[in-house]
Protein backbone atom coordinates (compact mmCIF):
# COMPACT_ATOMS: atom_id res chain seq x y z
CA MET A 1 10.10 21.98 -5.71
CA ASN A 2 12.28 22.40 -8.82
CA ILE A 3 13.71 20.14 -11.20
CA ARG A 4 16.66 21.10 -13.41
CA VAL A 5 16.02 19.95 -17.03
CA LYS A 6 18.76 20.36 -20.10
CA ILE A 7 16.82 21.62 -23.21
CA THR A 8 17.56 19.74 -26.60
CA ARG A 9 14.18 19.17 -28.32
CA ALA A 10 13.94 22.07 -30.72
CA GLU A 11 10.29 23.04 -29.95
CA ASN A 12 11.51 23.21 -26.38
CA VAL A 13 14.41 25.36 -27.45
CA ARG A 14 12.05 27.85 -29.23
CA HIS A 15 9.68 28.14 -26.38
CA PHE A 16 12.25 28.50 -23.29
CA GLY A 17 15.18 30.15 -25.30
CA ALA A 18 17.58 28.51 -23.04
CA SER A 19 19.78 25.43 -22.98
CA GLN A 20 18.83 24.48 -19.20
CA ILE A 21 15.84 25.35 -17.29
CA ASP A 22 14.71 24.93 -13.42
CA ILE A 23 11.01 24.38 -13.45
CA ASP A 24 8.47 23.43 -10.88
CA LEU A 25 8.01 19.60 -10.56
CA GLU A 26 4.46 19.86 -11.24
CA ASP A 27 4.70 21.89 -14.06
CA TYR A 28 7.37 19.57 -15.53
CA LEU A 29 5.01 16.65 -15.29
CA LYS A 30 2.51 18.59 -17.53
CA GLY A 31 4.88 18.40 -20.17
CA VAL A 32 5.89 14.71 -19.63
CA VAL A 33 2.43 13.12 -18.99
CA PRO A 34 1.09 13.93 -22.35
CA SER A 35 4.76 13.22 -24.26
CA GLU A 36 4.48 9.31 -22.79
CA ILE A 37 0.70 8.52 -22.97
CA TYR A 38 -2.30 9.93 -24.82
CA GLU A 39 -4.36 12.83 -23.76
CA SER A 40 -7.53 11.72 -25.20
CA GLU A 41 -9.85 10.08 -22.56
CA SER A 42 -10.89 7.74 -25.50
CA ARG A 43 -7.35 6.24 -25.45
CA THR A 44 -6.09 6.73 -21.84
CA PRO A 45 -8.88 7.12 -19.15
CA LEU A 46 -8.22 9.63 -16.17
CA GLU A 47 -7.09 6.72 -13.92
CA ALA A 48 -4.42 5.69 -16.34
CA LYS A 49 -3.02 9.42 -16.49
CA LYS A 50 -2.96 9.46 -12.83
CA ALA A 51 -0.80 6.25 -12.43
CA GLN A 52 1.35 7.85 -15.11
CA ALA A 53 1.82 11.21 -13.50
CA ILE A 54 2.54 9.37 -10.09
CA ALA A 55 5.21 7.21 -11.69
CA ALA A 56 6.64 9.95 -13.75
CA ARG A 57 6.61 12.26 -10.23
CA THR A 58 8.49 9.51 -8.42
CA TYR A 59 11.18 8.97 -11.30
CA ALA A 60 11.66 12.68 -11.62
CA LEU A 61 12.02 13.20 -7.67
CA ALA A 62 14.59 10.45 -7.43
CA HIS A 63 16.89 12.37 -9.88
CA VAL A 64 16.01 15.64 -7.81
CA LEU A 65 17.23 14.19 -4.40
CA LYS A 66 20.58 13.02 -6.47
CA GLY A 67 20.88 16.41 -7.82
CA THR A 68 21.07 14.99 -11.40
CA VAL A 69 20.58 17.35 -14.49
CA ILE A 70 18.13 15.34 -16.62
CA ASP A 71 17.30 16.00 -20.45
CA ASP A 72 14.03 16.14 -22.02
CA THR A 73 14.30 13.06 -24.30
CA THR A 74 13.49 9.28 -23.17
CA ASN A 75 16.82 9.07 -21.77
CA TYR A 76 15.14 9.94 -18.81
CA GLN A 77 11.46 11.19 -19.64
CA ALA A 78 10.31 12.59 -22.73
CA PHE A 79 9.28 16.30 -21.89
CA LYS A 80 7.65 18.47 -24.31
CA VAL A 81 6.14 22.32 -24.21
CA TRP A 82 2.73 22.11 -23.58
CA ASP A 83 -0.54 23.98 -24.38
CA PRO A 84 -2.85 23.99 -21.32
CA ALA A 85 -5.94 24.41 -23.44
CA LYS A 86 -5.11 21.20 -25.38
CA ILE A 87 -4.46 18.77 -22.15
CA PRO A 88 -7.05 19.80 -19.63
CA ASN A 89 -7.39 15.79 -18.54
CA VAL A 90 -3.63 15.78 -17.82
CA ILE A 91 -3.44 18.78 -16.00
CA ARG A 92 -6.37 17.31 -14.02
CA ALA A 93 -4.42 14.01 -13.62
CA VAL A 94 -1.25 16.02 -12.17
CA GLN A 95 -3.52 18.00 -9.97
CA GLU A 96 -5.53 15.20 -8.44
CA THR A 97 -2.17 13.62 -7.32
CA ALA A 98 -0.20 16.38 -6.50
CA GLY A 99 2.96 15.51 -4.66
CA GLN A 100 2.15 11.81 -4.47
CA VAL A 101 5.16 9.38 -4.83
CA LEU A 102 6.06 5.72 -4.59
CA PHE A 103 7.68 4.53 -1.59
CA HIS A 104 8.75 0.81 -0.85
CA GLY A 105 9.27 0.92 2.95
CA ASP A 106 11.53 4.15 3.39
CA VAL A 107 12.91 3.88 -0.04
CA LEU A 108 11.51 6.53 -2.87
CA ILE A 109 11.66 3.66 -5.80
CA THR A 110 12.74 4.08 -9.29
CA ALA A 111 9.44 3.87 -11.06
CA TRP A 112 10.41 2.37 -14.46
CA TYR A 113 7.58 1.99 -17.25
CA SER A 114 7.41 1.50 -20.96
CA ASN A 115 4.69 1.09 -23.37
CA SER A 116 4.14 -2.48 -23.33
CA ASN A 117 5.69 -5.36 -21.48
CA GLY A 118 4.74 -8.22 -24.15
CA GLY A 119 2.26 -9.57 -21.62
CA ARG A 120 4.52 -10.26 -18.78
CA THR A 121 6.52 -7.99 -16.12
CA ARG A 122 10.10 -8.55 -15.55
CA ARG A 123 12.24 -7.98 -12.53
CA SER A 124 14.82 -5.44 -12.71
CA ASP A 125 17.79 -7.95 -12.70
CA GLU A 126 16.24 -9.64 -15.41
CA ALA A 127 16.71 -6.46 -17.93
CA TRP A 128 19.62 -4.80 -16.00
CA SER A 129 22.10 -6.18 -13.05
CA ALA A 130 20.29 -5.26 -9.65
CA PHE A 131 17.22 -6.56 -8.29
CA LYS A 132 14.89 -4.24 -6.97
CA PRO A 133 12.14 -5.54 -4.71
CA TRP A 134 9.19 -3.40 -6.15
CA THR A 135 9.74 -5.40 -9.41
CA ALA A 136 8.24 -8.59 -9.96
CA ALA A 137 8.05 -11.12 -12.84
CA GLN A 138 4.62 -12.24 -13.55
CA ASP A 139 2.00 -12.43 -16.15
CA ASP A 140 0.32 -9.09 -17.15
CA PRO A 141 -3.28 -9.77 -18.40
CA TRP A 142 -3.97 -6.08 -18.99
CA ASP A 143 -1.31 -5.64 -21.58
CA VAL A 144 -2.37 -8.89 -23.01
CA GLN A 145 -5.84 -7.35 -23.43
CA ALA A 146 -4.56 -3.90 -24.27
CA ARG A 147 -2.68 -5.31 -27.34
CA ARG A 148 -5.56 -7.27 -28.63
CA LYS A 149 -7.62 -4.34 -28.46
CA TRP A 150 -5.11 -1.91 -29.90
CA GLY A 151 -2.91 -3.97 -32.01
CA GLU A 152 0.57 -5.38 -31.29
CA CYS A 153 3.38 -2.88 -30.26
CA LYS A 154 7.09 -3.63 -29.87
CA ALA A 155 7.73 -4.43 -26.23
CA SER A 156 10.46 -2.66 -24.29
CA HIS A 157 12.23 -3.59 -21.25
CA GLY A 158 9.08 -4.74 -19.35
CA VAL A 159 9.93 -3.49 -15.85
CA GLY A 160 7.41 -1.72 -14.00
CA MET A 161 4.26 -0.17 -15.52
CA SER A 162 3.13 -1.13 -19.05
CA GLN A 163 1.50 2.25 -20.38
CA MET A 164 -0.83 0.21 -22.46
CA GLY A 165 -1.71 -2.12 -19.71
CA ALA A 166 -2.66 0.63 -17.44
CA ALA A 167 -4.78 2.18 -19.96
CA TYR A 168 -6.80 -0.93 -20.51
CA ALA A 169 -7.02 -1.48 -16.79
CA ALA A 170 -8.49 2.04 -16.26
CA PHE A 171 -10.98 1.19 -19.03
CA ALA A 172 -11.99 -1.97 -17.18
CA GLY A 173 -12.87 0.28 -14.03
CA HIS A 174 -9.66 -0.06 -12.00
CA THR A 175 -8.10 2.93 -10.23
CA CYS A 176 -4.56 4.57 -10.45
CA ARG A 177 -4.00 2.94 -7.18
CA ASP A 178 -4.92 -0.38 -8.11
CA ILE A 179 -2.81 -0.14 -11.60
CA LEU A 180 0.25 0.99 -9.37
CA ALA A 181 -0.20 -1.56 -6.97
CA PHE A 182 0.01 -4.08 -9.67
CA TYR A 183 2.82 -2.86 -11.52
CA TYR A 184 5.22 -2.06 -8.42
CA PRO A 185 4.11 -4.53 -5.68
CA GLY A 186 4.76 -3.88 -1.98
CA THR A 187 4.75 0.09 -2.58
CA THR A 188 3.01 2.71 -0.56
CA ILE A 189 1.68 5.98 -2.15
CA ARG A 190 2.92 8.93 -0.12
CA GLY A 191 1.85 12.35 -0.39
CA ASN A 192 3.82 15.39 0.09
CA TYR A 193 6.56 14.32 -1.82
CA GLY A 194 7.11 11.38 0.68
CA LYS A 195 6.10 12.93 3.85
CA ASN A 196 2.64 11.39 4.27
CA GLU A 197 1.28 8.00 3.45
CA VAL A 198 -1.65 7.81 1.24
CA LYS A 199 -3.26 4.14 1.90
CA SER A 200 -4.50 2.23 -1.04
CA ILE A 201 -6.60 -0.73 0.39
CA MET A 202 -9.84 0.15 1.92
CA LEU A 203 -10.84 -1.93 5.21
CA ASN A 204 -14.63 -2.50 5.80
CA ARG A 205 -15.62 -0.39 8.77
CA ASP A 206 -18.15 -2.90 10.19
CA LYS A 207 -15.47 -5.45 10.49
CA LEU A 208 -13.03 -3.12 12.05
CA ILE A 209 -15.63 -2.35 14.78
CA ARG A 210 -16.25 -5.97 15.34
CA SER A 211 -12.68 -6.43 15.97
CA PHE A 212 -12.71 -3.93 18.62
CA GLU A 213 -15.83 -5.62 20.11
CA GLU A 214 -14.02 -8.89 20.61
CA ILE A 215 -11.11 -7.19 22.67
CA ILE A 216 -13.45 -5.95 25.51
CA GLY A 217 -12.41 -7.62 28.72
CA TRP A 218 -8.89 -8.34 27.65
CA PRO A 219 -6.07 -7.83 29.96
CA TYR A 220 -4.06 -4.65 29.29
CA VAL A 221 -0.22 -5.42 28.76
CA SER A 222 2.20 -3.04 26.89
CA PRO A 223 3.62 -4.40 24.52
CA GLY A 224 1.37 -7.05 24.60
CA THR A 225 0.73 -10.27 22.19
CA ASN A 226 -2.47 -8.66 20.49
CA ASP A 227 -4.63 -11.50 21.70
CA LYS A 228 -6.68 -12.60 25.02
CA ASN A 229 -3.52 -12.83 26.96
CA GLY A 230 -2.72 -9.21 26.52
CA ILE A 231 -3.08 -6.40 24.55
CA ASP A 232 -2.52 -2.36 24.62
CA CYS A 233 -4.24 0.42 22.76
CA SER A 234 -2.53 0.78 19.30
CA GLY A 235 -2.09 -2.85 19.41
CA ALA A 236 -5.94 -3.35 19.21
CA PHE A 237 -5.65 -1.64 15.73
CA VAL A 238 -2.62 -3.44 14.64
CA ARG A 239 -4.95 -6.73 15.34
CA ALA A 240 -8.14 -5.17 13.66
CA PHE A 241 -6.23 -4.40 10.52
CA ARG A 242 -4.39 -7.88 10.28
CA ALA A 243 -7.88 -9.44 10.48
CA GLN A 244 -8.69 -7.82 7.08
CA GLY A 245 -5.30 -8.93 5.48
CA SER A 246 -3.64 -5.30 6.04
CA SER A 247 -1.09 -3.42 8.43
CA ILE A 248 -0.73 -0.30 10.47
CA TYR A 249 2.24 1.02 12.70
CA HIS A 250 1.98 0.15 16.39
CA GLY A 251 2.22 3.35 17.76
CA SER A 252 -0.64 5.98 18.55
CA ASN A 253 1.58 9.03 17.66
CA ARG A 254 2.49 7.65 14.09
CA ILE A 255 -1.27 6.62 13.48
CA ILE A 256 -2.83 10.26 13.71
CA ARG A 257 0.18 11.60 11.89
CA ALA A 258 0.59 8.68 9.09
CA TYR A 259 -2.46 6.95 8.70
CA CYS A 260 -5.10 9.93 8.98
CA SER A 261 -5.68 13.07 6.93
CA ASP A 262 -8.25 15.11 8.64
CA ALA A 263 -7.51 15.08 12.52
CA PHE A 264 -9.33 17.59 14.62
CA ARG A 265 -9.97 18.72 18.09
CA LEU A 266 -13.07 17.22 19.49
CA THR A 267 -15.43 19.19 21.24
CA SER A 268 -18.50 17.45 20.56
CA VAL A 269 -20.05 13.95 20.14
CA GLU A 270 -21.96 15.44 16.95
CA GLN A 271 -18.39 15.54 15.52
CA LEU A 272 -17.90 11.61 15.75
CA GLU A 273 -18.77 8.88 13.43
CA PRO A 274 -18.48 5.00 13.77
CA GLY A 275 -15.05 3.77 13.02
CA MET A 276 -13.36 6.82 13.75
CA ALA A 277 -10.49 6.67 15.87
CA VAL A 278 -9.96 8.89 18.96
CA TRP A 279 -6.87 10.08 21.00
CA LYS A 280 -5.96 11.45 24.47
CA HIS A 281 -3.41 14.15 24.38
CA ARG A 282 -0.84 15.97 26.21
CA ASN A 283 1.24 18.73 25.03
CA ASP A 284 4.25 18.34 27.94
CA GLY A 285 7.09 17.40 25.26
CA SER A 286 7.06 13.92 26.11
CA GLU A 287 6.46 12.56 22.64
CA SER A 288 9.43 11.10 21.01
CA GLY A 289 11.94 12.93 18.83
CA GLU A 290 10.56 11.85 15.29
CA TYR A 291 7.33 13.94 16.24
CA LYS A 292 9.15 16.94 17.42
CA GLN A 293 10.39 19.99 15.04
CA GLY A 294 12.99 18.45 12.90
CA GLY A 295 11.79 15.18 13.20
CA LYS A 296 10.43 12.70 10.15
CA TYR A 297 7.07 12.81 11.56
CA TYR A 298 6.68 16.46 12.54
CA ASP A 299 3.57 18.14 11.81
CA PRO A 300 3.08 21.86 13.18
CA ASP A 301 -0.91 21.06 13.17
CA LEU A 302 -0.19 17.97 15.52
CA THR A 303 2.26 18.64 18.08
CA GLY A 304 2.47 16.97 21.49
CA ASN A 305 1.99 13.67 22.77
CA TYR A 306 -1.00 11.79 21.29
CA TYR A 307 -0.43 8.81 23.93
CA HIS A 308 -3.51 7.03 23.95
CA ILE A 309 -6.08 5.79 20.94
CA GLY A 310 -9.48 4.34 20.99
CA LEU A 311 -12.02 3.46 18.36
CA VAL A 312 -15.39 4.85 18.24
CA ALA A 313 -17.97 2.03 18.02
CA SER A 314 -21.24 3.97 17.84
CA VAL A 315 -22.19 7.35 18.59
CA SER A 316 -25.91 6.88 19.68
CA PRO A 317 -25.17 5.85 22.42
CA LEU A 318 -21.47 6.91 22.59
CA ARG A 319 -19.09 3.72 22.76
CA ILE A 320 -15.39 4.03 22.69
CA ILE A 321 -13.77 0.96 22.91
CA HIS A 322 -9.95 1.23 24.06
CA ALA A 323 -7.32 -1.13 25.77
CA SER A 324 -6.24 0.30 28.95
CA LEU A 325 -5.60 -0.80 32.75
CA PRO A 326 -6.81 -3.09 34.16
CA ALA A 327 -8.44 -4.45 30.65
CA ALA A 328 -10.01 -3.23 27.40
CA LYS A 329 -13.18 -1.20 28.14
CA VAL A 330 -15.83 0.94 26.77
CA ASP A 331 -16.01 4.51 27.52
CA THR A 332 -19.78 6.21 27.09
CA THR A 333 -18.71 9.73 27.38
CA VAL A 334 -15.50 11.89 25.84
CA LYS A 335 -14.68 12.85 29.33
CA GLY A 336 -13.45 9.10 29.60
CA VAL A 337 -13.34 7.29 32.96
CA SER A 338 -9.79 8.20 33.89
CA GLY A 339 -10.35 12.20 33.94
CA THR A 340 -8.50 12.70 31.03
CA PRO A 341 -10.75 13.35 27.80
CA TRP A 342 -10.67 12.12 24.20
CA GLY A 343 -9.44 15.40 22.74
CA TRP A 344 -8.76 14.73 19.42
CA ALA A 345 -10.15 12.55 16.57
CA ALA A 346 -9.83 11.44 12.80
CA HIS A 347 -10.98 9.26 10.08
CA LEU A 348 -8.47 6.25 9.26
CA ASP A 349 -7.55 6.86 6.00
CA ALA A 350 -7.55 3.10 5.15
CA VAL A 351 -10.89 2.71 6.11
CA ASP A 352 -14.25 2.63 3.95
CA TYR A 353 -16.80 4.87 5.94
CA ALA A 354 -19.56 4.06 3.43
CA GLY A 355 -19.39 0.34 4.53
CA GLY A 356 -17.90 -1.08 1.52
CA GLY A 357 -14.79 -3.22 1.04
CA GLY A 358 -13.00 -1.09 -1.22
CA THR A 359 -11.13 -1.54 -4.55
CA VAL A 360 -9.39 -4.62 -5.60
CA ILE A 361 -7.31 -5.86 -8.39
CA GLN A 362 -8.88 -8.32 -10.08
CA PRO A 363 -7.84 -9.14 -13.63
CA ALA A 364 -9.90 -11.40 -15.88
CA GLY A 365 -9.09 -15.08 -15.09
CA THR A 366 -8.30 -14.97 -11.58
CA ASN A 367 -10.12 -16.83 -8.68
CA TRP A 368 -10.43 -15.49 -5.09
CA GLY A 369 -9.92 -17.41 -1.98
CA THR A 370 -9.08 -17.15 1.84
CA VAL A 371 -5.76 -18.21 3.81
CA ALA A 372 -7.03 -21.21 5.54
CA THR A 373 -3.65 -22.24 7.72
CA VAL A 374 -4.39 -23.57 11.13
CA SER A 375 -2.40 -21.15 12.80
CA GLY A 376 0.18 -18.51 11.86
CA GLY A 377 0.71 -16.91 8.28
CA LEU A 378 1.13 -18.58 4.84
CA ASN A 379 4.32 -18.30 3.08
CA MET A 380 4.49 -16.41 -0.02
CA ARG A 381 7.77 -17.61 -2.22
CA GLU A 382 9.22 -16.49 -5.49
CA THR A 383 8.92 -19.82 -7.33
CA PRO A 384 6.67 -22.56 -6.45
CA GLY A 385 7.77 -25.25 -4.00
CA THR A 386 9.30 -24.88 -0.47
CA ASN A 387 12.51 -24.34 -1.92
CA GLY A 388 11.40 -21.21 -3.45
CA LYS A 389 13.12 -17.78 -2.04
CA TYR A 390 10.92 -16.32 1.25
CA MET A 391 9.14 -13.17 0.29
CA LEU A 392 6.61 -12.80 3.08
CA SER A 393 3.99 -14.11 5.19
CA ILE A 394 0.25 -13.85 4.62
CA PRO A 395 -1.87 -13.69 7.61
CA LYS A 396 -4.53 -16.30 8.24
CA GLY A 397 -8.13 -15.45 7.01
CA SER A 398 -6.57 -13.02 4.43
CA ARG A 399 -8.27 -12.78 0.88
CA VAL A 400 -5.82 -13.86 -2.15
CA GLN A 401 -6.25 -13.95 -5.65
CA ILE A 402 -4.82 -17.37 -7.40
CA LEU A 403 -4.09 -16.34 -11.23
CA GLN A 404 -2.67 -19.77 -12.29
CA LYS A 405 -1.93 -23.18 -10.62
CA THR A 406 0.88 -25.69 -11.18
CA ALA A 407 2.60 -28.30 -9.72
CA ALA A 408 5.93 -28.22 -7.74
CA GLY A 409 8.71 -30.55 -8.34
CA ASP A 410 7.43 -32.82 -5.30
CA GLY A 411 3.84 -32.96 -6.97
CA SER A 412 2.49 -30.63 -4.57
CA LEU A 413 -0.13 -27.87 -6.10
CA TRP A 414 0.90 -24.29 -5.91
CA GLY A 415 -0.76 -21.06 -7.09
CA GLN A 416 0.56 -17.70 -8.32
CA THR A 417 -0.82 -15.32 -5.99
CA GLN A 418 -1.94 -11.47 -5.24
CA TRP A 419 -2.23 -10.47 -1.86
CA ALA A 420 -3.12 -6.83 -1.03
CA ASN A 421 -2.45 -4.78 2.17
CA ALA A 422 -2.12 -1.49 3.20
CA TYR A 423 1.21 -1.12 1.84
CA GLY A 424 0.57 -2.53 -1.79
CA THR A 425 -0.07 -5.49 -3.69
CA HIS A 426 2.31 -8.65 -3.59
CA ALA A 427 2.65 -11.18 -5.97
CA GLY A 428 4.58 -14.76 -5.65
CA TRP A 429 3.67 -18.22 -5.27
CA VAL A 430 1.74 -20.03 -2.29
CA SER A 431 0.71 -23.71 -1.35
CA MET A 432 -2.75 -24.34 -2.49
CA ALA A 433 -2.91 -26.70 0.53
CA TYR A 434 -3.63 -23.65 2.76
CA VAL A 435 -6.06 -21.81 0.34
CA THR A 436 -9.89 -22.25 0.37
CA LEU A 437 -11.36 -21.06 -3.09
CA ASP A 438 -14.79 -19.41 -3.03
CA ASP A 439 -16.18 -22.12 -5.25
CA GLU A 440 -14.96 -24.77 -2.87
CA THR A 441 -17.26 -26.21 -0.25
CA ASP A 442 -15.05 -27.78 2.16
CA ALA A 443 -11.55 -26.59 3.43
CA PRO A 444 -8.59 -27.93 3.03
CA GLU A 445 -7.46 -30.36 5.69
CA PRO A 446 -5.02 -29.02 8.26
CA GLN A 447 -1.53 -29.74 7.13
CA THR A 448 2.13 -28.93 8.51
CA GLY A 449 3.79 -27.78 5.48
CA ASP A 450 4.51 -24.03 4.20
CA VAL A 451 3.24 -21.82 6.98
CA GLU A 452 4.83 -19.66 9.58
CA ARG A 453 3.64 -18.83 13.17
CA PRO A 454 3.94 -15.04 13.66
CA ALA A 455 6.44 -13.56 16.00
CA GLU A 456 5.80 -12.46 19.56
CA ASP A 457 5.98 -8.55 19.78
CA GLY A 458 9.42 -7.78 20.81
CA VAL A 459 10.81 -10.84 19.29
CA PRO A 460 12.50 -10.38 15.49
CA ARG A 461 11.04 -12.13 12.86
CA GLU A 462 13.88 -13.23 11.42
CA ASP A 463 14.93 -14.89 14.45
CA VAL A 464 11.68 -17.08 14.76
CA ARG A 465 11.83 -17.97 10.97
CA ARG A 466 15.27 -19.33 11.47
CA VAL A 467 14.31 -21.34 14.31
CA TYR A 468 11.17 -22.80 12.37
CA ASN A 469 13.19 -23.38 9.36
CA GLU A 470 15.65 -25.31 11.23
CA LEU A 471 12.56 -27.37 12.88
CA GLY A 472 11.30 -27.77 9.30
CA LYS A 473 14.54 -29.56 8.26
CA ILE A 474 14.55 -31.78 11.17
CA LEU A 475 10.78 -32.70 10.69
CA GLY A 476 11.20 -32.79 6.58
CA VAL A 477 8.49 -30.35 6.13
CA ASN A 478 10.18 -27.08 4.72
């Protein structure tokens, strides 16, 4: 993929000998990244360079898709001719993130960044005119610590990533995904310039398996409510991911194409590992159009209909748990019990197969807690208090970080919160009445305030939310 660049810098004119060039996007980044941040590992660790590479690639790709001719100055992104021998770390960062860009939902974002934000990020509408949902106004402890370490500098627009903050975070052991999740909340890293999804939150494999053990015997209903009243095969994955505060698409065909990167034909039990997903497959053209040639999720290596999915709970003895008629069950052979074999398998990108809990963002001074609603989720809002604009609902049992606490106008205690799922990290305010901090010995008393029951499958969440808002007004609790 090429990008068109107008050449204005003297050193670039001398090297390229043209006023305008078409250059491979990955090569373009080798001239951008060292122009924007330090090459030296003593000042900018590799993970910060990788975050810069992904942000710069995302910014550039947006202009490629628009057909924009950008220039080589900070009007867009600084770009200078480079000597490969002098930037080995930058080249490594670009190569290790090749093709990776940031999306918010299905939208390629504008990945703004600046040298420093002065200790607090800003929303896009605070700096310019239009609000973009991947921008947030929040304290940035990494930028604060960076300026203490390396000295004060003039803060810029403050929207998106702080390059100084990213460098400090990398020194503190955070990955590029941690950094990008903090500075671009709610985004997903996708590979192949947006075709593939790259998950950023790792789930615990053992907890995933336990979630599947719980559904054995539950009646098969499609679409089900993903509980003991009824569940289908991919709904079991939705439920298990939600149990760890994450999410996954409800559909076996989408899971193998967008949430796995190593799918293979299953020929032997020895190929399997606990926590892997397995599929039944037919190649009769029955898959929907988005998975066929020309469709958004078409993959020439994964053709056909991957119509049924299960989870490997153990290999010796073999136990494959899956939801099918009449109830969720266990298969003890790859031949299956219905005569159709389990023909494909893959690791789930979002699962930590080493057994750990994955990486998390934990700036200094934060406290961890668990959402302890009676039922349903906990509302996250843009400002403290139930009058704050609704952002999203955090599932019961999710792990959250509390950055600071404050009293709302009615005297209730609210916490500035970060919550991460498979699509990134979200920042906002939640009622502390429904969060049990790790250093608290007793859970909060059940209350009836700012919580939300999840929508049933097939019922638009907006309709449910409207009903509950109206009920809340009647009851005086929302």
